């Protein structure tokens, strides 16, 4: 699976997460290396880097600055699902490595 030049927006997130439907992720991929910039909602600026496996799963690390000016970091694993319209839905499990170090789940959909 190749995520290059695809854009995603969250459709759900755990209460302890900072992304929302106002957050836009723009993915780039070279070979199995995935990068993204993102912003919107509670996030001023964010970046992620990850590795894409043979099934399209993504193991990643992220960092972002929120509207309170805090630097937040975490790890995430995304499992892809191809929707009926051919677009990708990502089922994510994530964990903060800063702040309260809590865990959560989110779903992103390709736009």
C-alpha atoms as a PDB file:
ATOM      1  CA  UNK A   1       0.000   0.000   0.000  1.00  0.00           C
ATOM      2  CA  UNK A   2       1.287   3.446  -0.849  1.00  0.00           C
ATOM      3  CA  UNK A   3       0.170   6.509   1.110  1.00  0.00           C
ATOM      4  CA  UNK A   4       2.105   9.071  -0.953  1.00  0.00           C
ATOM      5  CA  UNK A   5       0.192  12.348  -1.460  1.00  0.00           C
ATOM      6  CA  UNK A   6      -2.887  11.091   0.420  1.00  0.00           C
ATOM      7  CA  UNK A   7      -4.733  13.322   2.892  1.00  0.00           C
ATOM      8  CA  UNK A   8      -6.540  12.100   6.004  1.00  0.00           C
ATOM      9  CA  UNK A   9      -8.889  13.593   8.607  1.00  0.00           C
ATOM     10  CA  UNK A  10      -9.862  12.067  11.951  1.00  0.00           C
ATOM     11  CA  UNK A  11     -13.470  10.891  12.258  1.00  0.00           C
ATOM     12  CA  UNK A  12     -13.105   9.768  15.890  1.00  0.00           C
ATOM     13  CA  UNK A  13     -10.592   9.991  18.717  1.00  0.00           C
ATOM     14  CA  UNK A  14     -10.337   9.149  22.409  1.00  0.00           C
ATOM     15  CA  UNK A  15     -11.092  12.036  24.787  1.00  0.00           C
ATOM     16  CA  UNK A  16      -7.404  12.236  25.799  1.00  0.00           C
ATOM     17  CA  UNK A  17      -6.289  12.851  22.179  1.00  0.00           C
ATOM     18  CA  UNK A  18      -5.663  16.201  20.516  1.00  0.00           C
ATOM     19  CA  UNK A  19      -6.683  15.508  16.912  1.00  0.00           C
ATOM     20  CA  UNK A  20     -10.211  16.280  15.684  1.00  0.00           C
ATOM     21  CA  UNK A  21     -12.173  16.585  12.457  1.00  0.00           C
ATOM     22  CA  UNK A  22     -10.408  19.955  12.053  1.00  0.00           C
ATOM     23  CA  UNK A  23      -6.961  18.288  11.839  1.00  0.00           C
ATOM     24  CA  UNK A  24      -5.550  17.588   8.361  1.00  0.00           C
ATOM     25  CA  UNK A  25      -2.774  15.041   7.768  1.00  0.00           C
ATOM     26  CA  UNK A  26      -0.788  15.154   4.499  1.00  0.00           C
ATOM     27  CA  UNK A  27       1.141  11.915   3.929  1.00  0.00           C
ATOM     28  CA  UNK A  28       4.307  11.376   1.895  1.00  0.00           C
ATOM     29  CA  UNK A  29       5.898   7.980   1.302  1.00  0.00           C
ATOM     30  CA  UNK A  30       9.262   6.902  -0.161  1.00  0.00           C
ATOM     31  CA  UNK A  31       9.699   3.127  -0.276  1.00  0.00           C
ATOM     32  CA  UNK A  32       8.455   2.008   3.156  1.00  0.00           C
ATOM     33  CA  UNK A  33       9.187   5.319   4.948  1.00  0.00           C
ATOM     34  CA  UNK A  34       6.134   7.449   5.689  1.00  0.00           C
ATOM     35  CA  UNK A  35       6.201  11.093   6.796  1.00  0.00           C
ATOM     36  CA  UNK A  36       3.418  13.563   7.433  1.00  0.00           C
ATOM     37  CA  UNK A  37       2.822  17.117   8.454  1.00  0.00           C
ATOM     38  CA  UNK A  38      -0.447  17.955  10.168  1.00  0.00           C
ATOM     39  CA  UNK A  39      -2.235  20.842  11.857  1.00  0.00           C
ATOM     40  CA  UNK A  40      -5.681  22.104  12.742  1.00  0.00           C
ATOM     41  CA  UNK A  41      -8.021  22.059  15.692  1.00  0.00           C
ATOM     42  CA  UNK A  42      -5.968  21.880  18.905  1.00  0.00           C
ATOM     43  CA  UNK A  43      -2.698  21.349  16.980  1.00  0.00           C
ATOM     44  CA  UNK A  44      -0.573  24.265  15.750  1.00  0.00           C
ATOM     45  CA  UNK A  45       1.968  22.022  13.995  1.00  0.00           C
ATOM     46  CA  UNK A  46       2.731  18.318  13.981  1.00  0.00           C
ATOM     47  CA  UNK A  47       4.990  15.806  12.245  1.00  0.00           C
ATOM     48  CA  UNK A  48       5.194  12.053  12.131  1.00  0.00           C
ATOM     49  CA  UNK A  49       7.593   9.489  10.733  1.00  0.00           C
ATOM     50  CA  UNK A  50       6.859   5.828  10.353  1.00  0.00           C
ATOM     51  CA  UNK A  51       7.469   2.542   8.594  1.00  0.00           C
ATOM     52  CA  UNK A  52       4.862   0.867   6.372  1.00  0.00           C
ATOM     53  CA  UNK A  53       4.756  -2.941   6.513  1.00  0.00           C
ATOM     54  CA  UNK A  54       3.780  -5.362   3.735  1.00  0.00           C
ATOM     55  CA  UNK A  55       0.104  -5.248   4.795  1.00  0.00           C
ATOM     56  CA  UNK A  56      -0.030  -1.425   4.830  1.00  0.00           C
ATOM     57  CA  UNK A  57       0.213  -1.174   8.624  1.00  0.00           C
ATOM     58  CA  UNK A  58       2.113   1.849   9.893  1.00  0.00           C
ATOM     59  CA  UNK A  59       4.345   1.963  12.976  1.00  0.00           C
ATOM     60  CA  UNK A  60       5.083   5.610  13.757  1.00  0.00           C
ATOM     61  CA  UNK A  61       6.331   8.233  16.163  1.00  0.00           C
ATOM     62  CA  UNK A  62       4.821  11.718  16.277  1.00  0.00           C
ATOM     63  CA  UNK A  63       5.417  15.088  17.856  1.00  0.00           C
ATOM     64  CA  UNK A  64       3.216  18.158  17.880  1.00  0.00           C
ATOM     65  CA  UNK A  65       2.780  21.589  19.449  1.00  0.00           C
ATOM     66  CA  UNK A  66      -0.734  22.219  20.747  1.00  0.00           C
ATOM     67  CA  UNK A  67      -2.599  25.518  21.166  1.00  0.00           C
ATOM     68  CA  UNK A  68      -1.329  25.742  24.774  1.00  0.00           C
ATOM     69  CA  UNK A  69       2.227  25.832  23.394  1.00  0.00           C
ATOM     70  CA  UNK A  70       3.081  22.374  24.772  1.00  0.00           C
ATOM     71  CA  UNK A  71       5.298  19.918  22.909  1.00  0.00           C
ATOM     72  CA  UNK A  72       3.550  16.538  22.904  1.00  0.00           C
ATOM     73  CA  UNK A  73       5.063  13.248  21.696  1.00  0.00           C
ATOM     74  CA  UNK A  74       3.808   9.735  21.143  1.00  0.00           C
ATOM     75  CA  UNK A  75       3.810   6.455  19.257  1.00  0.00           C
ATOM     76  CA  UNK A  76       1.072   4.945  17.119  1.00  0.00           C
ATOM     77  CA  UNK A  77       0.191   1.868  15.070  1.00  0.00           C
ATOM     78  CA  UNK A  78      -2.282   2.248  12.194  1.00  0.00           C
ATOM     79  CA  UNK A  79      -4.083  -0.641  10.528  1.00  0.00           C
ATOM     80  CA  UNK A  80      -5.636   0.144   7.120  1.00  0.00           C
ATOM     81  CA  UNK A  81      -9.095  -0.808   5.891  1.00  0.00           C
ATOM     82  CA  UNK A  82     -10.237  -0.225   2.315  1.00  0.00           C
ATOM     83  CA  UNK A  83     -13.739   1.246   2.413  1.00  0.00           C
ATOM     84  CA  UNK A  84     -16.479   0.525  -0.134  1.00  0.00           C
ATOM     85  CA  UNK A  85     -15.651   3.804  -1.930  1.00  0.00           C
ATOM     86  CA  UNK A  86     -12.021   2.666  -2.405  1.00  0.00           C
ATOM     87  CA  UNK A  87     -10.620   5.158   0.098  1.00  0.00           C
ATOM     88  CA  UNK A  88      -8.496   4.168   3.100  1.00  0.00           C
ATOM     89  CA  UNK A  89      -9.665   4.151   6.720  1.00  0.00           C
ATOM     90  CA  UNK A  90      -6.919   3.915   9.356  1.00  0.00           C
ATOM     91  CA  UNK A  91      -7.673   2.278  12.713  1.00  0.00           C
ATOM     92  CA  UNK A  92      -5.115   3.643  15.165  1.00  0.00           C
ATOM     93  CA  UNK A  93      -3.912   2.696  18.623  1.00  0.00           C
ATOM     94  CA  UNK A  94      -1.628   5.300  20.147  1.00  0.00           C
ATOM     95  CA  UNK A  95       0.193   6.230  23.345  1.00  0.00           C
ATOM     96  CA  UNK A  96       1.518   9.521  24.612  1.00  0.00           C
ATOM     97  CA  UNK A  97       5.226   9.406  25.500  1.00  0.00           C
ATOM     98  CA  UNK A  98       4.864  12.829  27.148  1.00  0.00           C
ATOM     99  CA  UNK A  99       2.276  14.290  29.503  1.00  0.00           C
ATOM    100  CA  UNK A 100       0.217  11.647  31.290  1.00  0.00           C
ATOM    101  CA  UNK A 101       1.484   8.807  29.028  1.00  0.00           C
ATOM    102  CA  UNK A 102      -2.096   7.618  28.495  1.00  0.00           C
ATOM    103  CA  UNK A 103      -3.305   5.487  25.568  1.00  0.00           C
ATOM    104  CA  UNK A 104      -6.099   5.960  23.062  1.00  0.00           C
ATOM    105  CA  UNK A 105      -7.715   4.994  19.777  1.00  0.00           C
ATOM    106  CA  UNK A 106      -8.601   7.021  16.720  1.00  0.00           C
ATOM    107  CA  UNK A 107      -9.908   6.522  13.198  1.00  0.00           C
ATOM    108  CA  UNK A 108      -8.712   8.557  10.218  1.00  0.00           C
ATOM    109  CA  UNK A 109     -10.303   8.534   6.768  1.00  0.00           C
ATOM    110  CA  UNK A 110      -8.796   9.498   3.441  1.00  0.00           C
ATOM    111  CA  UNK A 111     -10.355  12.608   1.928  1.00  0.00           C
END
